[in-house]
Amino acid sequence: MSFDLVFSIWLAEIRVLETFFSFISGRVFSFSLFGIFAVFMLYQKRYKDLLFVFLALIFGDLIGAQLKDLIQEPRPCFGNFVVFSQLNIIEQPCGSRLTGMPSNHALNFFLFATVFYLLTRQKVLTTALFMIASAVALSRVFLIKHLLSQVIIGAALGIILGITFYNIYKRIR
């Protein structure tokens, strides 16, 4: 059994974290966090920066989706369904998208944290955002939506894309 699979099983068995991980992995949390950021940027009258972050997240998400289609690595809830169901961790395969490499949740949250830092240079808020991004990435493993390797690759891509998009934005600004 691979380390990815062993780690997923170990993490999924910590049931006390289920509510927390389900919440931070959901749309309400994601949109609320972006909404707070939008209000922050609007308050500072940084309209172009807000538009840039919005576009960066759209492009990052699209790149992640294209990579999923190209790589075709299954999510653990599909590729290892038998293992997880025998351990009573999941009862049925998850979601409609079969592929999981890279994790778009990890990619998007790390892209957002990276771009936020590069735009604002606020260390305390950025540290909080990277901690949130890490928790979201871990939540994807806990929920058996991704393997640890899939969220690590997603996080790395998010940071790389954040830096790349920021450098492009800086040149055209």
N, C-alpha and C. Protein backbone atom coordinates (compact mmCIF):
# COMPACT_ATOMS: atom_id res chain seq x y z
N MET A 1 0.85 -1.18 0.00
CA MET A 1 0.00 0.00 0.00
C MET A 1 0.89 1.24 0.00
N SER A 2 0.57 2.22 -0.84
CA SER A 2 1.39 3.42 -0.96
C SER A 2 1.24 4.32 0.27
N PHE A 3 2.22 5.19 0.45
CA PHE A 3 2.16 6.15 1.55
C PHE A 3 0.93 7.03 1.42
N ASP A 4 0.62 7.45 0.17
CA ASP A 4 -0.58 8.26 -0.09
C ASP A 4 -1.83 7.61 0.47
N LEU A 5 -1.98 6.34 0.20
CA LEU A 5 -3.17 5.61 0.64
C LEU A 5 -3.17 5.42 2.15
N VAL A 6 -2.04 5.05 2.72
CA VAL A 6 -1.93 4.87 4.17
C VAL A 6 -2.25 6.17 4.90
N PHE A 7 -1.71 7.29 4.39
CA PHE A 7 -1.97 8.58 5.01
C PHE A 7 -3.45 8.94 4.92
N SER A 8 -4.07 8.70 3.77
CA SER A 8 -5.50 8.99 3.60
C SER A 8 -6.34 8.19 4.59
N ILE A 9 -6.02 6.92 4.75
CA ILE A 9 -6.76 6.06 5.68
C ILE A 9 -6.58 6.57 7.11
N TRP A 10 -5.34 6.87 7.48
CA TRP A 10 -5.05 7.36 8.83
C TRP A 10 -5.82 8.65 9.11
N LEU A 11 -5.77 9.60 8.18
CA LEU A 11 -6.43 10.89 8.39
C LEU A 11 -7.95 10.74 8.43
N ALA A 12 -8.49 9.91 7.55
CA ALA A 12 -9.94 9.73 7.48
C ALA A 12 -10.51 9.11 8.75
N GLU A 13 -9.68 8.40 9.48
CA GLU A 13 -10.15 7.75 10.71
C GLU A 13 -10.25 8.72 11.89
N ILE A 14 -9.79 9.95 11.73
CA ILE A 14 -9.90 10.97 12.78
C ILE A 14 -11.25 11.67 12.59
N ARG A 15 -12.30 11.02 12.97
CA ARG A 15 -13.67 11.48 12.69
C ARG A 15 -14.02 12.80 13.35
N VAL A 16 -13.32 13.18 14.41
CA VAL A 16 -13.66 14.40 15.13
C VAL A 16 -13.46 15.64 14.24
N LEU A 17 -12.67 15.52 13.19
CA LEU A 17 -12.39 16.65 12.29
C LEU A 17 -13.37 16.76 11.13
N GLU A 18 -14.31 15.85 11.04
CA GLU A 18 -15.19 15.78 9.87
C GLU A 18 -15.97 17.08 9.62
N THR A 19 -16.59 17.63 10.62
CA THR A 19 -17.38 18.84 10.44
C THR A 19 -16.50 20.01 10.00
N PHE A 20 -15.36 20.17 10.67
CA PHE A 20 -14.44 21.25 10.32
C PHE A 20 -13.95 21.13 8.88
N PHE A 21 -13.48 19.95 8.50
CA PHE A 21 -12.95 19.76 7.15
C PHE A 21 -14.03 19.88 6.09
N SER A 22 -15.22 19.41 6.38
CA SER A 22 -16.33 19.54 5.43
C SER A 22 -16.68 21.01 5.22
N PHE A 23 -16.65 21.80 6.29
CA PHE A 23 -16.98 23.22 6.18
C PHE A 23 -15.94 23.98 5.37
N ILE A 24 -14.65 23.82 5.70
CA ILE A 24 -13.64 24.63 5.01
C ILE A 24 -13.41 24.17 3.57
N SER A 25 -13.90 22.99 3.24
CA SER A 25 -13.76 22.49 1.89
C SER A 25 -14.95 22.89 1.01
N GLY A 26 -15.94 23.52 1.62
CA GLY A 26 -17.18 23.83 0.90
C GLY A 26 -17.18 25.19 0.22
N ARG A 27 -18.19 25.37 -0.60
CA ARG A 27 -18.33 26.62 -1.37
C ARG A 27 -18.62 27.83 -0.48
N VAL A 28 -19.41 27.64 0.57
CA VAL A 28 -19.76 28.77 1.44
C VAL A 28 -18.50 29.38 2.02
N PHE A 29 -17.61 28.56 2.51
CA PHE A 29 -16.36 29.06 3.08
C PHE A 29 -15.52 29.76 2.02
N SER A 30 -15.37 29.14 0.86
CA SER A 30 -14.56 29.70 -0.22
C SER A 30 -15.08 31.07 -0.65
N PHE A 31 -16.38 31.14 -0.91
CA PHE A 31 -16.95 32.40 -1.38
C PHE A 31 -16.94 33.46 -0.27
N SER A 32 -17.12 33.05 0.96
CA SER A 32 -17.05 34.01 2.08
C SER A 32 -15.65 34.59 2.20
N LEU A 33 -14.64 33.75 2.08
CA LEU A 33 -13.26 34.22 2.15
C LEU A 33 -12.95 35.19 1.02
N PHE A 34 -13.36 34.84 -0.19
CA PHE A 34 -13.14 35.75 -1.32
C PHE A 34 -13.95 37.03 -1.14
N GLY A 35 -15.15 36.92 -0.60
CA GLY A 35 -15.97 38.11 -0.34
C GLY A 35 -15.31 39.07 0.63
N ILE A 36 -14.72 38.53 1.69
CA ILE A 36 -14.00 39.36 2.66
C ILE A 36 -12.82 40.05 1.97
N PHE A 37 -12.10 39.29 1.14
CA PHE A 37 -10.99 39.86 0.38
C PHE A 37 -11.49 40.97 -0.55
N ALA A 38 -12.61 40.74 -1.24
CA ALA A 38 -13.16 41.73 -2.16
C ALA A 38 -13.52 43.02 -1.42
N VAL A 39 -14.14 42.89 -0.27
CA VAL A 39 -14.48 44.07 0.53
C VAL A 39 -13.21 44.79 0.95
N PHE A 40 -12.21 44.05 1.36
CA PHE A 40 -10.91 44.62 1.74
C PHE A 40 -10.30 45.41 0.59
N MET A 41 -10.32 44.84 -0.62
CA MET A 41 -9.74 45.51 -1.78
C MET A 41 -10.60 46.69 -2.23
N LEU A 42 -11.91 46.56 -2.16
CA LEU A 42 -12.79 47.68 -2.53
C LEU A 42 -12.63 48.83 -1.55
N TYR A 43 -12.50 48.52 -0.27
CA TYR A 43 -12.29 49.54 0.75
C TYR A 43 -11.01 50.33 0.47
N GLN A 44 -9.98 49.64 -0.02
CA GLN A 44 -8.72 50.30 -0.34
C GLN A 44 -8.69 50.87 -1.76
N LYS A 45 -9.82 50.77 -2.45
CA LYS A 45 -9.96 51.26 -3.83
C LYS A 45 -8.92 50.64 -4.77
N ARG A 46 -8.71 49.35 -4.61
CA ARG A 46 -7.77 48.60 -5.44
C ARG A 46 -8.56 47.72 -6.41
N TYR A 47 -9.30 48.38 -7.28
CA TYR A 47 -10.21 47.69 -8.19
C TYR A 47 -9.47 46.80 -9.20
N LYS A 48 -8.38 47.30 -9.74
CA LYS A 48 -7.61 46.52 -10.72
C LYS A 48 -7.01 45.28 -10.06
N ASP A 49 -6.54 45.43 -8.83
CA ASP A 49 -5.99 44.29 -8.12
C ASP A 49 -7.06 43.23 -7.86
N LEU A 50 -8.24 43.67 -7.51
CA LEU A 50 -9.35 42.74 -7.27
C LEU A 50 -9.70 42.00 -8.56
N LEU A 51 -9.78 42.72 -9.66
CA LEU A 51 -10.07 42.08 -10.95
C LEU A 51 -8.96 41.09 -11.31
N PHE A 52 -7.72 41.48 -11.08
CA PHE A 52 -6.59 40.59 -11.35
C PHE A 52 -6.71 39.29 -10.56
N VAL A 53 -7.01 39.37 -9.27
CA VAL A 53 -7.12 38.16 -8.44
C VAL A 53 -8.26 37.29 -8.94
N PHE A 54 -9.36 37.90 -9.28
CA PHE A 54 -10.51 37.16 -9.80
C PHE A 54 -10.13 36.41 -11.08
N LEU A 55 -9.47 37.11 -12.00
CA LEU A 55 -9.05 36.47 -13.26
C LEU A 55 -7.99 35.40 -13.02
N ALA A 56 -7.07 35.66 -12.10
CA ALA A 56 -6.03 34.67 -11.79
C ALA A 56 -6.66 33.38 -11.27
N LEU A 57 -7.67 33.52 -10.41
CA LEU A 57 -8.35 32.33 -9.88
C LEU A 57 -9.10 31.57 -10.98
N ILE A 58 -9.71 32.30 -11.89
CA ILE A 58 -10.41 31.64 -13.00
C ILE A 58 -9.41 30.88 -13.86
N PHE A 59 -8.32 31.56 -14.25
CA PHE A 59 -7.32 30.89 -15.09
C PHE A 59 -6.66 29.72 -14.35
N GLY A 60 -6.37 29.90 -13.08
CA GLY A 60 -5.78 28.81 -12.30
C GLY A 60 -6.69 27.60 -12.25
N ASP A 61 -7.97 27.84 -12.03
CA ASP A 61 -8.94 26.75 -11.98
C ASP A 61 -9.03 26.03 -13.33
N LEU A 62 -9.03 26.81 -14.41
CA LEU A 62 -9.08 26.22 -15.75
C LEU A 62 -7.83 25.39 -16.05
N ILE A 63 -6.67 25.90 -15.66
CA ILE A 63 -5.43 25.15 -15.86
C ILE A 63 -5.46 23.85 -15.07
N GLY A 64 -5.92 23.92 -13.83
CA GLY A 64 -6.05 22.70 -13.02
C GLY A 64 -6.98 21.69 -13.65
N ALA A 65 -8.10 22.15 -14.18
CA ALA A 65 -9.07 21.25 -14.82
C ALA A 65 -8.47 20.61 -16.07
N GLN A 66 -7.72 21.40 -16.83
CA GLN A 66 -7.08 20.85 -18.03
C GLN A 66 -6.03 19.80 -17.65
N LEU A 67 -5.28 20.08 -16.60
CA LEU A 67 -4.28 19.11 -16.14
C LEU A 67 -4.93 17.81 -15.66
N LYS A 68 -6.08 17.92 -15.00
CA LYS A 68 -6.81 16.72 -14.57
C LYS A 68 -7.16 15.86 -15.78
N ASP A 69 -7.64 16.50 -16.84
CA ASP A 69 -8.01 15.77 -18.04
C ASP A 69 -6.78 15.16 -18.73
N LEU A 70 -5.66 15.85 -18.66
CA LEU A 70 -4.44 15.38 -19.30
C LEU A 70 -3.80 14.23 -18.51
N ILE A 71 -3.71 14.38 -17.19
CA ILE A 71 -3.02 13.40 -16.34
C ILE A 71 -3.87 12.16 -16.09
N GLN A 72 -5.16 12.35 -15.90
CA GLN A 72 -6.11 11.25 -15.72
C GLN A 72 -5.81 10.36 -14.50
N GLU A 73 -5.28 10.94 -13.42
CA GLU A 73 -5.05 10.15 -12.20
C GLU A 73 -6.35 10.14 -11.39
N PRO A 74 -6.86 8.98 -11.01
CA PRO A 74 -8.16 8.93 -10.34
C PRO A 74 -8.13 9.48 -8.91
N ARG A 75 -9.26 9.97 -8.50
CA ARG A 75 -9.43 10.34 -7.10
C ARG A 75 -9.40 9.06 -6.27
N PRO A 76 -8.97 9.15 -5.01
CA PRO A 76 -8.92 7.92 -4.20
C PRO A 76 -10.30 7.31 -3.95
N CYS A 77 -11.34 8.13 -3.95
CA CYS A 77 -12.68 7.61 -3.71
C CYS A 77 -13.20 6.82 -4.92
N PHE A 78 -12.51 6.91 -6.04
CA PHE A 78 -12.82 6.05 -7.20
C PHE A 78 -11.76 4.96 -7.35
N GLY A 79 -10.50 5.39 -7.42
CA GLY A 79 -9.41 4.46 -7.66
C GLY A 79 -9.18 3.45 -6.55
N ASN A 80 -9.52 3.82 -5.32
CA ASN A 80 -9.33 2.94 -4.17
C ASN A 80 -10.64 2.75 -3.40
N PHE A 81 -11.74 2.80 -4.12
CA PHE A 81 -13.05 2.70 -3.47
C PHE A 81 -13.19 1.43 -2.63
N VAL A 82 -12.73 0.32 -3.15
CA VAL A 82 -12.88 -0.96 -2.44
C VAL A 82 -12.17 -0.90 -1.08
N VAL A 83 -10.96 -0.36 -1.05
CA VAL A 83 -10.20 -0.27 0.20
C VAL A 83 -10.95 0.58 1.21
N PHE A 84 -11.40 1.77 0.79
CA PHE A 84 -12.09 2.68 1.71
C PHE A 84 -13.46 2.16 2.14
N SER A 85 -14.14 1.48 1.25
CA SER A 85 -15.46 0.94 1.63
C SER A 85 -15.32 -0.24 2.59
N GLN A 86 -14.30 -1.07 2.41
CA GLN A 86 -14.08 -2.19 3.33
C GLN A 86 -13.73 -1.70 4.73
N LEU A 87 -13.11 -0.53 4.82
CA LEU A 87 -12.76 0.05 6.12
C LEU A 87 -13.90 0.92 6.68
N ASN A 88 -15.04 0.93 5.99
CA ASN A 88 -16.21 1.74 6.37
C ASN A 88 -15.89 3.23 6.46
N ILE A 89 -15.00 3.70 5.60
CA ILE A 89 -14.67 5.13 5.56
C ILE A 89 -15.60 5.85 4.60
N ILE A 90 -15.90 5.23 3.46
CA ILE A 90 -16.87 5.79 2.52
C ILE A 90 -17.83 4.68 2.10
N GLU A 91 -19.04 5.10 1.72
CA GLU A 91 -20.06 4.14 1.33
C GLU A 91 -20.24 4.07 -0.18
N GLN A 92 -19.88 5.15 -0.87
CA GLN A 92 -20.05 5.20 -2.32
C GLN A 92 -18.97 6.09 -2.92
N PRO A 93 -18.67 5.90 -4.21
CA PRO A 93 -17.69 6.78 -4.85
C PRO A 93 -18.16 8.23 -4.79
N CYS A 94 -17.20 9.15 -4.78
CA CYS A 94 -17.54 10.56 -4.59
C CYS A 94 -17.66 11.32 -5.90
N GLY A 95 -18.51 12.32 -5.90
CA GLY A 95 -18.60 13.30 -6.97
C GLY A 95 -18.76 12.74 -8.37
N SER A 96 -18.71 13.66 -9.32
CA SER A 96 -18.89 13.27 -10.71
C SER A 96 -17.58 13.28 -11.49
N ARG A 97 -16.60 13.99 -10.99
CA ARG A 97 -15.32 14.07 -11.69
C ARG A 97 -14.40 12.96 -11.18
N LEU A 98 -13.99 12.09 -12.07
CA LEU A 98 -13.20 10.92 -11.69
C LEU A 98 -11.74 11.24 -11.41
N THR A 99 -11.22 12.30 -12.01
CA THR A 99 -9.79 12.57 -11.92
C THR A 99 -9.46 13.53 -10.77
N GLY A 100 -8.27 13.36 -10.20
CA GLY A 100 -7.94 14.15 -9.03
C GLY A 100 -6.59 14.84 -9.03
N MET A 101 -5.79 14.68 -10.09
CA MET A 101 -4.46 15.29 -10.11
C MET A 101 -4.44 16.44 -11.08
N PRO A 102 -4.21 17.65 -10.61
CA PRO A 102 -3.94 18.13 -9.26
C PRO A 102 -5.24 18.50 -8.54
N SER A 103 -5.14 18.72 -7.26
CA SER A 103 -6.29 19.20 -6.49
C SER A 103 -6.53 20.67 -6.82
N ASN A 104 -7.68 20.98 -7.39
CA ASN A 104 -7.99 22.38 -7.70
C ASN A 104 -8.25 23.20 -6.43
N HIS A 105 -8.76 22.56 -5.38
CA HIS A 105 -8.94 23.28 -4.12
C HIS A 105 -7.58 23.78 -3.63
N ALA A 106 -6.61 22.89 -3.59
CA ALA A 106 -5.27 23.27 -3.13
C ALA A 106 -4.67 24.31 -4.07
N LEU A 107 -4.79 24.08 -5.37
CA LEU A 107 -4.25 25.02 -6.35
C LEU A 107 -4.84 26.41 -6.14
N ASN A 108 -6.15 26.51 -6.06
CA ASN A 108 -6.81 27.81 -5.95
C ASN A 108 -6.51 28.52 -4.64
N PHE A 109 -6.52 27.80 -3.53
CA PHE A 109 -6.26 28.44 -2.24
C PHE A 109 -4.81 28.90 -2.12
N PHE A 110 -3.87 28.10 -2.62
CA PHE A 110 -2.47 28.52 -2.57
C PHE A 110 -2.19 29.63 -3.58
N LEU A 111 -2.84 29.60 -4.72
CA LEU A 111 -2.72 30.69 -5.68
C LEU A 111 -3.21 31.99 -5.04
N PHE A 112 -4.37 31.92 -4.41
CA PHE A 112 -4.96 33.09 -3.75
C PHE A 112 -4.03 33.64 -2.66
N ALA A 113 -3.51 32.76 -1.81
CA ALA A 113 -2.62 33.19 -0.72
C ALA A 113 -1.35 33.82 -1.28
N THR A 114 -0.80 33.23 -2.34
CA THR A 114 0.42 33.75 -2.96
C THR A 114 0.19 35.13 -3.55
N VAL A 115 -0.87 35.26 -4.33
CA VAL A 115 -1.18 36.55 -4.96
C VAL A 115 -1.50 37.60 -3.90
N PHE A 116 -2.23 37.22 -2.87
CA PHE A 116 -2.54 38.15 -1.79
C PHE A 116 -1.26 38.70 -1.18
N TYR A 117 -0.32 37.82 -0.90
CA TYR A 117 0.95 38.27 -0.33
C TYR A 117 1.69 39.21 -1.28
N LEU A 118 1.78 38.82 -2.54
CA LEU A 118 2.52 39.62 -3.50
C LEU A 118 1.88 41.00 -3.72
N LEU A 119 0.57 41.08 -3.60
CA LEU A 119 -0.12 42.36 -3.77
C LEU A 119 -0.06 43.24 -2.53
N THR A 120 -0.14 42.62 -1.36
CA THR A 120 -0.29 43.41 -0.13
C THR A 120 0.93 43.42 0.77
N ARG A 121 1.75 42.38 0.70
CA ARG A 121 2.93 42.21 1.57
C ARG A 121 2.55 42.23 3.06
N GLN A 122 1.32 41.84 3.37
CA GLN A 122 0.86 41.77 4.76
C GLN A 122 1.16 40.38 5.30
N LYS A 123 2.17 40.31 6.15
CA LYS A 123 2.67 39.02 6.62
C LYS A 123 1.68 38.28 7.52
N VAL A 124 1.00 38.97 8.39
CA VAL A 124 0.09 38.30 9.33
C VAL A 124 -1.10 37.71 8.58
N LEU A 125 -1.74 38.51 7.74
CA LEU A 125 -2.88 38.01 6.98
C LEU A 125 -2.46 36.91 6.01
N THR A 126 -1.31 37.07 5.40
CA THR A 126 -0.82 36.05 4.46
C THR A 126 -0.53 34.75 5.19
N THR A 127 0.06 34.83 6.37
CA THR A 127 0.30 33.62 7.16
C THR A 127 -1.02 32.92 7.45
N ALA A 128 -2.03 33.68 7.82
CA ALA A 128 -3.35 33.10 8.07
C ALA A 128 -3.90 32.45 6.80
N LEU A 129 -3.73 33.11 5.66
CA LEU A 129 -4.23 32.54 4.41
C LEU A 129 -3.50 31.25 4.03
N PHE A 130 -2.19 31.20 4.25
CA PHE A 130 -1.46 29.97 3.95
C PHE A 130 -1.84 28.86 4.92
N MET A 131 -2.16 29.20 6.15
CA MET A 131 -2.64 28.19 7.11
C MET A 131 -4.01 27.67 6.67
N ILE A 132 -4.87 28.58 6.22
CA ILE A 132 -6.18 28.18 5.72
C ILE A 132 -6.02 27.31 4.47
N ALA A 133 -5.13 27.71 3.56
CA ALA A 133 -4.89 26.93 2.34
C ALA A 133 -4.40 25.53 2.70
N SER A 134 -3.54 25.43 3.68
CA SER A 134 -3.03 24.13 4.12
C SER A 134 -4.15 23.28 4.71
N ALA A 135 -5.01 23.90 5.50
CA ALA A 135 -6.14 23.18 6.10
C ALA A 135 -7.12 22.71 5.01
N VAL A 136 -7.36 23.55 4.03
CA VAL A 136 -8.25 23.15 2.92
C VAL A 136 -7.64 21.98 2.16
N ALA A 137 -6.34 22.07 1.87
CA ALA A 137 -5.67 20.97 1.17
C ALA A 137 -5.78 19.68 1.97
N LEU A 138 -5.53 19.77 3.26
CA LEU A 138 -5.63 18.59 4.12
C LEU A 138 -7.06 18.07 4.18
N SER A 139 -8.02 18.97 4.12
CA SER A 139 -9.43 18.55 4.14
C SER A 139 -9.77 17.68 2.95
N ARG A 140 -9.14 17.95 1.81
CA ARG A 140 -9.41 17.17 0.61
C ARG A 140 -8.92 15.73 0.77
N VAL A 141 -7.81 15.57 1.49
CA VAL A 141 -7.30 14.22 1.78
C VAL A 141 -8.23 13.55 2.79
N PHE A 142 -8.63 14.27 3.82
CA PHE A 142 -9.51 13.74 4.85
C PHE A 142 -10.83 13.26 4.25
N LEU A 143 -11.36 14.02 3.30
CA LEU A 143 -12.65 13.70 2.70
C LEU A 143 -12.53 12.65 1.59
N ILE A 144 -11.34 12.12 1.38
CA ILE A 144 -11.03 11.08 0.39
C ILE A 144 -11.29 11.58 -1.04
N LYS A 145 -11.22 12.88 -1.24
CA LYS A 145 -11.37 13.45 -2.58
C LYS A 145 -10.04 13.45 -3.32
N HIS A 146 -8.93 13.51 -2.57
CA HIS A 146 -7.59 13.55 -3.17
C HIS A 146 -6.60 12.78 -2.31
N LEU A 147 -5.53 12.36 -2.95
CA LEU A 147 -4.40 11.80 -2.24
C LEU A 147 -3.49 12.94 -1.81
N LEU A 148 -2.63 12.69 -0.85
CA LEU A 148 -1.70 13.70 -0.37
C LEU A 148 -0.85 14.24 -1.52
N SER A 149 -0.38 13.38 -2.40
CA SER A 149 0.43 13.83 -3.53
C SER A 149 -0.36 14.77 -4.45
N GLN A 150 -1.65 14.54 -4.60
CA GLN A 150 -2.47 15.39 -5.46
C GLN A 150 -2.64 16.79 -4.88
N VAL A 151 -2.74 16.90 -3.55
CA VAL A 151 -2.86 18.24 -2.95
C VAL A 151 -1.50 18.93 -2.87
N ILE A 152 -0.43 18.18 -2.71
CA ILE A 152 0.90 18.80 -2.70
C ILE A 152 1.21 19.38 -4.09
N ILE A 153 0.91 18.62 -5.14
CA ILE A 153 1.13 19.11 -6.50
C ILE A 153 0.21 20.31 -6.76
N GLY A 154 -1.03 20.24 -6.32
CA GLY A 154 -1.96 21.37 -6.48
C GLY A 154 -1.46 22.61 -5.77
N ALA A 155 -0.96 22.45 -4.55
CA ALA A 155 -0.43 23.59 -3.79
C ALA A 155 0.79 24.19 -4.48
N ALA A 156 1.69 23.34 -4.94
CA ALA A 156 2.89 23.82 -5.64
C ALA A 156 2.52 24.57 -6.92
N LEU A 157 1.58 24.01 -7.67
CA LEU A 157 1.12 24.69 -8.88
C LEU A 157 0.46 26.03 -8.56
N GLY A 158 -0.31 26.06 -7.48
CA GLY A 158 -0.95 27.31 -7.06
C GLY A 158 0.08 28.39 -6.76
N ILE A 159 1.13 28.02 -6.07
CA ILE A 159 2.18 29.00 -5.75
C ILE A 159 2.90 29.44 -7.03
N ILE A 160 3.25 28.49 -7.88
CA ILE A 160 3.94 28.82 -9.14
C ILE A 160 3.06 29.70 -10.03
N LEU A 161 1.79 29.33 -10.17
CA LEU A 161 0.88 30.15 -10.99
C LEU A 161 0.66 31.52 -10.37
N GLY A 162 0.57 31.58 -9.04
CA GLY A 162 0.41 32.88 -8.38
C GLY A 162 1.56 33.81 -8.68
N ILE A 163 2.78 33.29 -8.59
CA ILE A 163 3.97 34.10 -8.88
C ILE A 163 3.99 34.48 -10.36
N THR A 164 3.69 33.54 -11.23
CA THR A 164 3.69 33.79 -12.67
C THR A 164 2.64 34.84 -13.04
N PHE A 165 1.42 34.65 -12.57
CA PHE A 165 0.35 35.61 -12.88
C PHE A 165 0.69 37.00 -12.33
N TYR A 166 1.25 37.05 -11.13
CA TYR A 166 1.62 38.33 -10.53
C TYR A 166 2.68 39.03 -11.38
N ASN A 167 3.68 38.29 -11.84
CA ASN A 167 4.72 38.90 -12.67
C ASN A 167 4.17 39.42 -13.99
N ILE A 168 3.24 38.69 -14.58
CA ILE A 168 2.57 39.18 -15.80
C ILE A 168 1.78 40.44 -15.49
N TYR A 169 1.03 40.41 -14.40
CA TYR A 169 0.22 41.57 -14.00
C TYR A 169 1.10 42.78 -13.74
N LYS A 170 2.21 42.57 -13.07
CA LYS A 170 3.13 43.66 -12.76
C LYS A 170 3.66 44.31 -14.03
N ARG A 171 3.93 43.50 -15.04
CA ARG A 171 4.46 44.03 -16.31
C ARG A 171 3.41 44.84 -17.08
N ILE A 172 2.16 44.40 -17.05
CA ILE A 172 1.13 45.12 -17.82
C ILE A 172 0.49 46.26 -17.04
N ARG A 173 0.73 46.31 -15.75
CA ARG A 173 0.14 47.35 -14.90
C ARG A 173 0.94 48.57 -15.08
